[in-house]
Structures are given as structure tokens and as C-alpha cells.
Amino acid sequence: MKEFVIIHDFLVSEEVVGDWDGQEVTIAEKVNEFYHTIYLLAEDDIDPEELTSLLDLVWEHWIGNDHLADIEHDEIYDWSRHLLENRDQYLEQDN
């Protein structure tokens, strides 16, 4: 059911990530990589509302995090996998 979630509705550009001392393009790319990774890792039959809530957590968790500028691809993958594997915990904290 994840096909009901339009990933392009979440993707960001450098204009919306805020001031990152000239690294706005890189930050936007990394945030978008999180979105794509979570979407790809999510099971096909995930509840669309649940997937949307998980995708919303990317912005909430990462946009103010100084580590975002230096995060590597494998860390993005690991965090995304962890988010999906522990979704109940993350979604409970979000409420």
C-alpha cells in the first residue's frame, strides 16, 4: 500500500532546508536520501498513514542535527532501517 504515498511530496530543495553555511544543496540531497531509503525499505503493504508518519520523522529528527552535514550513505541506510524496524517506538514518541 506504500504506492499510495507520493514520495515526491516529501522531497526538499536547498531553498527549504535553512541556512547550512553554503551546504544547503548537500543537506537537501541527504534529507532526500533519507526519504528515498525509507520508502524503498518499507514493505509494500505498509499502512500509508504509518509510512507518512515515519517519513515526517526525518525532517523532525534531522533538519536541526549538526551531524546531517557529515552523515554517510551507510549511516542513512542504517538509521532508516532502524526506524522501520522500531517504528512502534518512534511513532509512540511522536504522539
PDB file of N, CA and C in Angstrom:
ATOM      1  N   MET A   1       0.807  -1.192   0.000  1.00  0.00           N
ATOM      2  CA  MET A   1       0.000   0.000   0.000  1.00  0.00           C
ATOM      3  C   MET A   1       0.857   1.265   0.000  1.00  0.00           C
ATOM      4  N   LYS A   2       2.179   1.068   0.016  1.00  0.00           N
ATOM      5  CA  LYS A   2       3.018   2.262   0.044  1.00  0.00           C
ATOM      6  C   LYS A   2       2.890   3.072  -1.234  1.00  0.00           C
ATOM      7  N   GLU A   3       2.368   2.455  -2.299  1.00  0.00           N
ATOM      8  CA  GLU A   3       2.206   3.198  -3.544  1.00  0.00           C
ATOM      9  C   GLU A   3       1.229   4.362  -3.411  1.00  0.00           C
ATOM     10  N   PHE A   4       0.434   4.372  -2.324  1.00  0.00           N
ATOM     11  CA  PHE A   4      -0.482   5.478  -2.076  1.00  0.00           C
ATOM     12  C   PHE A   4       0.231   6.692  -1.471  1.00  0.00           C
ATOM     13  N   VAL A   5       1.473   6.512  -1.066  1.00  0.00           N
ATOM     14  CA  VAL A   5       2.268   7.618  -0.533  1.00  0.00           C
ATOM     15  C   VAL A   5       3.145   8.138  -1.669  1.00  0.00           C
ATOM     16  N   ILE A   6       2.988   9.393  -1.983  1.00  0.00           N
ATOM     17  CA  ILE A   6       3.749  10.014  -3.073  1.00  0.00           C
ATOM     18  C   ILE A   6       5.040  10.587  -2.490  1.00  0.00           C
ATOM     19  N   ILE A   7       6.133   9.904  -2.760  1.00  0.00           N
ATOM     20  CA  ILE A   7       7.425  10.294  -2.185  1.00  0.00           C
ATOM     21  C   ILE A   7       7.821  11.711  -2.594  1.00  0.00           C
ATOM     22  N   HIS A   8       7.420  12.127  -3.765  1.00  0.00           N
ATOM     23  CA  HIS A   8       7.794  13.463  -4.247  1.00  0.00           C
ATOM     24  C   HIS A   8       7.172  14.583  -3.401  1.00  0.00           C
ATOM     25  N   ASP A   9       6.127  14.255  -2.657  1.00  0.00           N
ATOM     26  CA  ASP A   9       5.528  15.246  -1.762  1.00  0.00           C
ATOM     27  C   ASP A   9       6.435  15.568  -0.576  1.00  0.00           C
ATOM     28  N   PHE A  10       7.412  14.708  -0.319  1.00  0.00           N
ATOM     29  CA  PHE A  10       8.309  14.888   0.822  1.00  0.00           C
ATOM     30  C   PHE A  10       9.646  15.513   0.434  1.00  0.00           C
ATOM     31  N   LEU A  11      10.062  15.346  -0.792  1.00  0.00           N
ATOM     32  CA  LEU A  11      11.391  15.783  -1.210  1.00  0.00           C
ATOM     33  C   LEU A  11      11.547  17.290  -1.064  1.00  0.00           C
ATOM     34  N   VAL A  12      12.749  17.687  -0.681  1.00  0.00           N
ATOM     35  CA  VAL A  12      13.020  19.101  -0.403  1.00  0.00           C
ATOM     36  C   VAL A  12      14.102  19.639  -1.335  1.00  0.00           C
ATOM     37  N   SER A  13      14.140  20.941  -1.437  1.00  0.00           N
ATOM     38  CA  SER A  13      15.182  21.620  -2.202  1.00  0.00           C
ATOM     39  C   SER A  13      16.040  22.430  -1.237  1.00  0.00           C
ATOM     40  N   GLU A  14      17.110  22.961  -1.750  1.00  0.00           N
ATOM     41  CA  GLU A  14      18.015  23.728  -0.891  1.00  0.00           C
ATOM     42  C   GLU A  14      17.355  24.988  -0.336  1.00  0.00           C
ATOM     43  N   GLU A  15      16.309  25.460  -0.984  1.00  0.00           N
ATOM     44  CA  GLU A  15      15.631  26.664  -0.509  1.00  0.00           C
ATOM     45  C   GLU A  15      14.866  26.445   0.803  1.00  0.00           C
ATOM     46  N   VAL A  16      14.504  25.215   1.112  1.00  0.00           N
ATOM     47  CA  VAL A  16      13.667  24.984   2.293  1.00  0.00           C
ATOM     48  C   VAL A  16      14.418  24.407   3.486  1.00  0.00           C
ATOM     49  N   VAL A  17      15.685  24.064   3.329  1.00  0.00           N
ATOM     50  CA  VAL A  17      16.409  23.426   4.442  1.00  0.00           C
ATOM     51  C   VAL A  17      16.988  24.419   5.435  1.00  0.00           C
ATOM     52  N   GLY A  18      16.949  25.681   5.111  1.00  0.00           N
ATOM     53  CA  GLY A  18      17.503  26.679   6.016  1.00  0.00           C
ATOM     54  C   GLY A  18      18.960  26.967   5.709  1.00  0.00           C
ATOM     55  N   ASP A  19      19.583  27.709   6.597  1.00  0.00           N
ATOM     56  CA  ASP A  19      20.975  28.129   6.409  1.00  0.00           C
ATOM     57  C   ASP A  19      21.923  27.061   6.927  1.00  0.00           C
ATOM     58  N   TRP A  20      22.722  26.519   6.022  1.00  0.00           N
ATOM     59  CA  TRP A  20      23.726  25.499   6.372  1.00  0.00           C
ATOM     60  C   TRP A  20      25.109  25.941   5.891  1.00  0.00           C
ATOM     61  N   ASP A  21      25.372  27.227   5.965  1.00  0.00           N
ATOM     62  CA  ASP A  21      26.686  27.786   5.620  1.00  0.00           C
ATOM     63  C   ASP A  21      27.186  27.326   4.256  1.00  0.00           C
ATOM     64  N   GLY A  22      26.321  27.435   3.258  1.00  0.00           N
ATOM     65  CA  GLY A  22      26.701  27.099   1.897  1.00  0.00           C
ATOM     66  C   GLY A  22      26.552  25.626   1.549  1.00  0.00           C
ATOM     67  N   GLN A  23      26.100  24.809   2.481  1.00  0.00           N
ATOM     68  CA  GLN A  23      25.943  23.378   2.225  1.00  0.00           C
ATOM     69  C   GLN A  23      24.475  22.993   1.999  1.00  0.00           C
ATOM     70  N   GLU A  24      23.661  23.948   1.647  1.00  0.00           N
ATOM     71  CA  GLU A  24      22.230  23.699   1.522  1.00  0.00           C
ATOM     72  C   GLU A  24      21.905  22.623   0.488  1.00  0.00           C
ATOM     73  N   VAL A  25      22.619  22.597  -0.624  1.00  0.00           N
ATOM     74  CA  VAL A  25      22.378  21.572  -1.654  1.00  0.00           C
ATOM     75  C   VAL A  25      22.690  20.189  -1.098  1.00  0.00           C
ATOM     76  N   THR A  26      23.811  20.066  -0.417  1.00  0.00           N
ATOM     77  CA  THR A  26      24.199  18.785   0.182  1.00  0.00           C
ATOM     78  C   THR A  26      23.181  18.346   1.224  1.00  0.00           C
ATOM     79  N   ILE A  27      22.730  19.262   2.040  1.00  0.00           N
ATOM     80  CA  ILE A  27      21.748  18.939   3.080  1.00  0.00           C
ATOM     81  C   ILE A  27      20.446  18.465   2.437  1.00  0.00           C
ATOM     82  N   ALA A  28      19.988  19.153   1.426  1.00  0.00           N
ATOM     83  CA  ALA A  28      18.760  18.737   0.737  1.00  0.00           C
ATOM     84  C   ALA A  28      18.926  17.340   0.145  1.00  0.00           C
ATOM     85  N   GLU A  29      20.071  17.063  -0.438  1.00  0.00           N
ATOM     86  CA  GLU A  29      20.324  15.742  -1.014  1.00  0.00           C
ATOM     87  C   GLU A  29      20.292  14.656   0.059  1.00  0.00           C
ATOM     88  N   LYS A  30      20.852  14.940   1.205  1.00  0.00           N
ATOM     89  CA  LYS A  30      20.887  13.945   2.285  1.00  0.00           C
ATOM     90  C   LYS A  30      19.501  13.713   2.874  1.00  0.00           C
ATOM     91  N   VAL A  31      18.746  14.771   3.073  1.00  0.00           N
ATOM     92  CA  VAL A  31      17.376  14.614   3.565  1.00  0.00           C
ATOM     93  C   VAL A  31      16.567  13.796   2.556  1.00  0.00           C
ATOM     94  N   ASN A  32      16.721  14.092   1.291  1.00  0.00           N
ATOM     95  CA  ASN A  32      16.002  13.352   0.266  1.00  0.00           C
ATOM     96  C   ASN A  32      16.450  11.893   0.200  1.00  0.00           C
ATOM     97  N   GLU A  33      17.708  11.645   0.471  1.00  0.00           N
ATOM     98  CA  GLU A  33      18.198  10.264   0.519  1.00  0.00           C
ATOM     99  C   GLU A  33      17.514   9.493   1.654  1.00  0.00           C
ATOM    100  N   PHE A  34      17.323  10.140   2.791  1.00  0.00           N
ATOM    101  CA  PHE A  34      16.565   9.508   3.877  1.00  0.00           C
ATOM    102  C   PHE A  34      15.171   9.116   3.391  1.00  0.00           C
ATOM    103  N   TYR A  35      14.489  10.065   2.767  1.00  0.00           N
ATOM    104  CA  TYR A  35      13.124   9.796   2.300  1.00  0.00           C
ATOM    105  C   TYR A  35      13.100   8.609   1.334  1.00  0.00           C
ATOM    106  N   HIS A  36      13.984   8.631   0.365  1.00  0.00           N
ATOM    107  CA  HIS A  36      14.021   7.551  -0.624  1.00  0.00           C
ATOM    108  C   HIS A  36      14.374   6.208   0.015  1.00  0.00           C
ATOM    109  N   THR A  37      15.318   6.221   0.933  1.00  0.00           N
ATOM    110  CA  THR A  37      15.747   4.977   1.576  1.00  0.00           C
ATOM    111  C   THR A  37      14.615   4.375   2.401  1.00  0.00           C
ATOM    112  N   ILE A  38      13.952   5.176   3.183  1.00  0.00           N
ATOM    113  CA  ILE A  38      12.829   4.679   3.987  1.00  0.00           C
ATOM    114  C   ILE A  38      11.739   4.128   3.076  1.00  0.00           C
ATOM    115  N   TYR A  39      11.435   4.851   2.038  1.00  0.00           N
ATOM    116  CA  TYR A  39      10.387   4.411   1.111  1.00  0.00           C
ATOM    117  C   TYR A  39      10.764   3.071   0.474  1.00  0.00           C
ATOM    118  N   LEU A  40      11.989   2.949   0.039  1.00  0.00           N
ATOM    119  CA  LEU A  40      12.421   1.703  -0.603  1.00  0.00           C
ATOM    120  C   LEU A  40      12.464   0.525   0.368  1.00  0.00           C
ATOM    121  N   LEU A  41      12.866   0.772   1.606  1.00  0.00           N
ATOM    122  CA  LEU A  41      12.957  -0.291   2.599  1.00  0.00           C
ATOM    123  C   LEU A  41      11.601  -0.704   3.172  1.00  0.00           C
ATOM    124  N   ALA A  42      10.638   0.180   3.128  1.00  0.00           N
ATOM    125  CA  ALA A  42       9.318  -0.122   3.686  1.00  0.00           C
ATOM    126  C   ALA A  42       8.669  -1.260   2.900  1.00  0.00           C
ATOM    127  N   GLU A  43       7.993  -2.130   3.638  1.00  0.00           N
ATOM    128  CA  GLU A  43       7.303  -3.224   2.973  1.00  0.00           C
ATOM    129  C   GLU A  43       6.172  -2.672   2.105  1.00  0.00           C
ATOM    130  N   ASP A  44       5.853  -3.386   1.051  1.00  0.00           N
ATOM    131  CA  ASP A  44       4.851  -2.917   0.098  1.00  0.00           C
ATOM    132  C   ASP A  44       3.475  -2.723   0.718  1.00  0.00           C
ATOM    133  N   ASP A  45       3.159  -3.495   1.748  1.00  0.00           N
ATOM    134  CA  ASP A  45       1.830  -3.419   2.342  1.00  0.00           C
ATOM    135  C   ASP A  45       1.770  -2.555   3.605  1.00  0.00           C
ATOM    136  N   ILE A  46       2.765  -1.700   3.805  1.00  0.00           N
ATOM    137  CA  ILE A  46       2.757  -0.809   4.972  1.00  0.00           C
ATOM    138  C   ILE A  46       1.550   0.125   4.882  1.00  0.00           C
ATOM    139  N   ASP A  47       0.968   0.411   6.020  1.00  0.00           N
ATOM    140  CA  ASP A  47      -0.144   1.346   6.074  1.00  0.00           C
ATOM    141  C   ASP A  47       0.342   2.719   5.604  1.00  0.00           C
ATOM    142  N   PRO A  48      -0.336   3.332   4.646  1.00  0.00           N
ATOM    143  CA  PRO A  48       0.116   4.627   4.123  1.00  0.00           C
ATOM    144  C   PRO A  48       0.244   5.718   5.193  1.00  0.00           C
ATOM    145  N   GLU A  49      -0.666   5.731   6.165  1.00  0.00           N
ATOM    146  CA  GLU A  49      -0.580   6.729   7.234  1.00  0.00           C
ATOM    147  C   GLU A  49       0.666   6.504   8.089  1.00  0.00           C
ATOM    148  N   GLU A  50       0.978   5.240   8.332  1.00  0.00           N
ATOM    149  CA  GLU A  50       2.165   4.916   9.118  1.00  0.00           C
ATOM    150  C   GLU A  50       3.432   5.329   8.369  1.00  0.00           C
ATOM    151  N   LEU A  51       3.480   5.031   7.078  1.00  0.00           N
ATOM    152  CA  LEU A  51       4.643   5.423   6.274  1.00  0.00           C
ATOM    153  C   LEU A  51       4.777   6.945   6.242  1.00  0.00           C
ATOM    154  N   THR A  52       3.681   7.637   6.096  1.00  0.00           N
ATOM    155  CA  THR A  52       3.717   9.102   6.093  1.00  0.00           C
ATOM    156  C   THR A  52       4.264   9.636   7.411  1.00  0.00           C
ATOM    157  N   SER A  53       3.820   9.051   8.509  1.00  0.00           N
ATOM    158  CA  SER A  53       4.312   9.480   9.828  1.00  0.00           C
ATOM    159  C   SER A  53       5.801   9.217   9.972  1.00  0.00           C
ATOM    160  N   LEU A  54       6.256   8.082   9.472  1.00  0.00           N
ATOM    161  CA  LEU A  54       7.686   7.766   9.536  1.00  0.00           C
ATOM    162  C   LEU A  54       8.505   8.727   8.680  1.00  0.00           C
ATOM    163  N   LEU A  55       8.010   9.033   7.515  1.00  0.00           N
ATOM    164  CA  LEU A  55       8.712   9.983   6.650  1.00  0.00           C
ATOM    165  C   LEU A  55       8.752  11.375   7.281  1.00  0.00           C
ATOM    166  N   ASP A  56       7.683  11.749   7.963  1.00  0.00           N
ATOM    167  CA  ASP A  56       7.662  13.046   8.650  1.00  0.00           C
ATOM    168  C   ASP A  56       8.744  13.130   9.729  1.00  0.00           C
ATOM    169  N   LEU A  57       9.088  11.989  10.312  1.00  0.00           N
ATOM    170  CA  LEU A  57      10.098  11.972  11.368  1.00  0.00           C
ATOM    171  C   LEU A  57      11.495  12.351  10.851  1.00  0.00           C
ATOM    172  N   VAL A  58      11.737  12.162   9.576  1.00  0.00           N
ATOM    173  CA  VAL A  58      13.041  12.529   9.016  1.00  0.00           C
ATOM    174  C   VAL A  58      13.302  14.008   9.239  1.00  0.00           C
ATOM    175  N   TRP A  59      12.360  14.832   8.840  1.00  0.00           N
ATOM    176  CA  TRP A  59      12.529  16.280   8.996  1.00  0.00           C
ATOM    177  C   TRP A  59      12.653  16.648  10.471  1.00  0.00           C
ATOM    178  N   GLU A  60      11.769  16.092  11.275  1.00  0.00           N
ATOM    179  CA  GLU A  60      11.767  16.414  12.703  1.00  0.00           C
ATOM    180  C   GLU A  60      13.083  16.035  13.378  1.00  0.00           C
ATOM    181  N   HIS A  61      13.644  14.910  12.989  1.00  0.00           N
ATOM    182  CA  HIS A  61      14.857  14.432  13.646  1.00  0.00           C
ATOM    183  C   HIS A  61      16.131  15.045  13.067  1.00  0.00           C
ATOM    184  N   TRP A  62      16.185  15.220  11.766  1.00  0.00           N
ATOM    185  CA  TRP A  62      17.461  15.537  11.132  1.00  0.00           C
ATOM    186  C   TRP A  62      17.695  16.995  10.770  1.00  0.00           C
ATOM    187  N   ILE A  63      16.674  17.789  10.521  1.00  0.00           N
ATOM    188  CA  ILE A  63      16.931  19.115   9.962  1.00  0.00           C
ATOM    189  C   ILE A  63      17.718  20.017  10.902  1.00  0.00           C
ATOM    190  N   GLY A  64      17.626  19.826  12.183  1.00  0.00           N
ATOM    191  CA  GLY A  64      18.402  20.640  13.109  1.00  0.00           C
ATOM    192  C   GLY A  64      19.634  19.938  13.646  1.00  0.00           C
ATOM    193  N   ASN A  65      19.937  18.770  13.123  1.00  0.00           N
ATOM    194  CA  ASN A  65      21.032  17.946  13.624  1.00  0.00           C
ATOM    195  C   ASN A  65      22.334  18.295  12.893  1.00  0.00           C
ATOM    196  N   ASP A  66      23.324  18.754  13.627  1.00  0.00           N
ATOM    197  CA  ASP A  66      24.594  19.151  13.026  1.00  0.00           C
ATOM    198  C   ASP A  66      25.296  18.006  12.292  1.00  0.00           C
ATOM    199  N   HIS A  67      25.030  16.772  12.685  1.00  0.00           N
ATOM    200  CA  HIS A  67      25.657  15.603  12.048  1.00  0.00           C
ATOM    201  C   HIS A  67      25.161  15.383  10.617  1.00  0.00           C
ATOM    202  N   LEU A  68      24.043  15.996  10.272  1.00  0.00           N
ATOM    203  CA  LEU A  68      23.472  15.812   8.938  1.00  0.00           C
ATOM    204  C   LEU A  68      24.454  16.181   7.836  1.00  0.00           C
ATOM    205  N   ALA A  69      25.235  17.211   8.046  1.00  0.00           N
ATOM    206  CA  ALA A  69      26.181  17.655   7.024  1.00  0.00           C
ATOM    207  C   ALA A  69      27.258  16.609   6.743  1.00  0.00           C
ATOM    208  N   ASP A  70      27.565  15.777   7.722  1.00  0.00           N
ATOM    209  CA  ASP A  70      28.657  14.813   7.586  1.00  0.00           C
ATOM    210  C   ASP A  70      28.202  13.367   7.476  1.00  0.00           C
ATOM    211  N   ILE A  71      26.906  13.124   7.514  1.00  0.00           N
ATOM    212  CA  ILE A  71      26.406  11.746   7.535  1.00  0.00           C
ATOM    213  C   ILE A  71      26.742  11.030   6.223  1.00  0.00           C
ATOM    214  N   GLU A  72      27.078   9.763   6.346  1.00  0.00           N
ATOM    215  CA  GLU A  72      27.444   8.950   5.194  1.00  0.00           C
ATOM    216  C   GLU A  72      26.247   8.107   4.747  1.00  0.00           C
ATOM    217  N   HIS A  73      26.336   7.574   3.530  1.00  0.00           N
ATOM    218  CA  HIS A  73      25.249   6.773   2.967  1.00  0.00           C
ATOM    219  C   HIS A  73      24.893   5.575   3.842  1.00  0.00           C
ATOM    220  N   ASP A  74      25.913   4.895   4.362  1.00  0.00           N
ATOM    221  CA  ASP A  74      25.627   3.709   5.184  1.00  0.00           C
ATOM    222  C   ASP A  74      24.926   4.089   6.483  1.00  0.00           C
ATOM    223  N   GLU A  75      25.208   5.263   7.017  1.00  0.00           N
ATOM    224  CA  GLU A  75      24.522   5.722   8.225  1.00  0.00           C
ATOM    225  C   GLU A  75      23.063   6.065   7.926  1.00  0.00           C
ATOM    226  N   ILE A  76      22.819   6.632   6.761  1.00  0.00           N
ATOM    227  CA  ILE A  76      21.452   6.931   6.351  1.00  0.00           C
ATOM    228  C   ILE A  76      20.667   5.630   6.219  1.00  0.00           C
ATOM    229  N   TYR A  77      21.272   4.640   5.593  1.00  0.00           N
ATOM    230  CA  TYR A  77      20.635   3.337   5.440  1.00  0.00           C
ATOM    231  C   TYR A  77      20.363   2.710   6.806  1.00  0.00           C
ATOM    232  N   ASP A  78      21.365   2.705   7.667  1.00  0.00           N
ATOM    233  CA  ASP A  78      21.217   2.091   8.995  1.00  0.00           C
ATOM    234  C   ASP A  78      20.126   2.778   9.811  1.00  0.00           C
ATOM    235  N   TRP A  79      20.105   4.109   9.812  1.00  0.00           N
ATOM    236  CA  TRP A  79      19.085   4.829  10.575  1.00  0.00           C
ATOM    237  C   TRP A  79      17.700   4.548  10.003  1.00  0.00           C
ATOM    238  N   SER A  80      17.587   4.526   8.693  1.00  0.00           N
ATOM    239  CA  SER A  80      16.305   4.266   8.046  1.00  0.00           C
ATOM    240  C   SER A  80      15.803   2.863   8.371  1.00  0.00           C
ATOM    241  N   ARG A  81      16.690   1.894   8.326  1.00  0.00           N
ATOM    242  CA  ARG A  81      16.330   0.517   8.656  1.00  0.00           C
ATOM    243  C   ARG A  81      15.905   0.424  10.121  1.00  0.00           C
ATOM    244  N   HIS A  82      16.664   1.075  10.988  1.00  0.00           N
ATOM    245  CA  HIS A  82      16.338   1.090  12.412  1.00  0.00           C
ATOM    246  C   HIS A  82      14.971   1.731  12.653  1.00  0.00           C
ATOM    247  N   LEU A  83      14.693   2.812  11.973  1.00  0.00           N
ATOM    248  CA  LEU A  83      13.401   3.485  12.092  1.00  0.00           C
ATOM    249  C   LEU A  83      12.264   2.526  11.732  1.00  0.00           C
ATOM    250  N   LEU A  84      12.413   1.827  10.625  1.00  0.00           N
ATOM    251  CA  LEU A  84      11.358   0.913  10.197  1.00  0.00           C
ATOM    252  C   LEU A  84      11.230  -0.287  11.131  1.00  0.00           C
ATOM    253  N   GLU A  85      12.345  -0.797  11.603  1.00  0.00           N
ATOM    254  CA  GLU A  85      12.314  -1.966  12.493  1.00  0.00           C
ATOM    255  C   GLU A  85      11.758  -1.626  13.871  1.00  0.00           C
ATOM    256  N   ASN A  86      11.865  -0.371  14.267  1.00  0.00           N
ATOM    257  CA  ASN A  86      11.420   0.067  15.591  1.00  0.00           C
ATOM    258  C   ASN A  86      10.331   1.126  15.484  1.00  0.00           C
ATOM    259  N   ARG A  87       9.542   1.023  14.460  1.00  0.00           N
ATOM    260  CA  ARG A  87       8.549   2.069  14.163  1.00  0.00           C
ATOM    261  C   ARG A  87       7.592   2.335  15.303  1.00  0.00           C
ATOM    262  N   ASP A  88       7.183   1.291  16.019  1.00  0.00           N
ATOM    263  CA  ASP A  88       6.250   1.500  17.131  1.00  0.00           C
ATOM    264  C   ASP A  88       6.823   2.462  18.159  1.00  0.00           C
ATOM    265  N   GLN A  89       8.091   2.290  18.462  1.00  0.00           N
ATOM    266  CA  GLN A  89       8.769   3.156  19.438  1.00  0.00           C
ATOM    267  C   GLN A  89       8.802   4.598  18.921  1.00  0.00           C
ATOM    268  N   TYR A  90       9.183   4.781  17.675  1.00  0.00           N
ATOM    269  CA  TYR A  90       9.281   6.128  17.116  1.00  0.00           C
ATOM    270  C   TYR A  90       7.914   6.791  16.993  1.00  0.00           C
ATOM    271  N   LEU A  91       6.925   6.027  16.564  1.00  0.00           N
ATOM    272  CA  LEU A  91       5.600   6.606  16.393  1.00  0.00           C
ATOM    273  C   LEU A  91       4.956   6.923  17.727  1.00  0.00           C
ATOM    274  N   GLU A  92       5.252   6.114  18.743  1.00  0.00           N
ATOM    275  CA  GLU A  92       4.746   6.380  20.084  1.00  0.00           C
ATOM    276  C   GLU A  92       5.357   7.663  20.638  1.00  0.00           C
ATOM    277  N   GLN A  93       6.646   7.869  20.421  1.00  0.00           N
ATOM    278  CA  GLN A  93       7.319   9.079  20.887  1.00  0.00           C
ATOM    279  C   GLN A  93       6.778  10.311  20.189  1.00  0.00           C
ATOM    280  N   ASP A  94       6.345  10.126  18.950  1.00  0.00           N
ATOM    281  CA  ASP A  94       5.850  11.250  18.150  1.00  0.00           C
ATOM    282  C   ASP A  94       4.488  11.736  18.645  1.00  0.00           C
ATOM    283  N   ASN A  95       3.750  10.881  19.322  1.00  0.00           N
ATOM    284  CA  ASN A  95       2.404  11.258  19.800  1.00  0.00           C
ATOM    285  C   ASN A  95       2.427  12.000  21.077  1.00  0.00           C
TER     286      ASN A  95
END
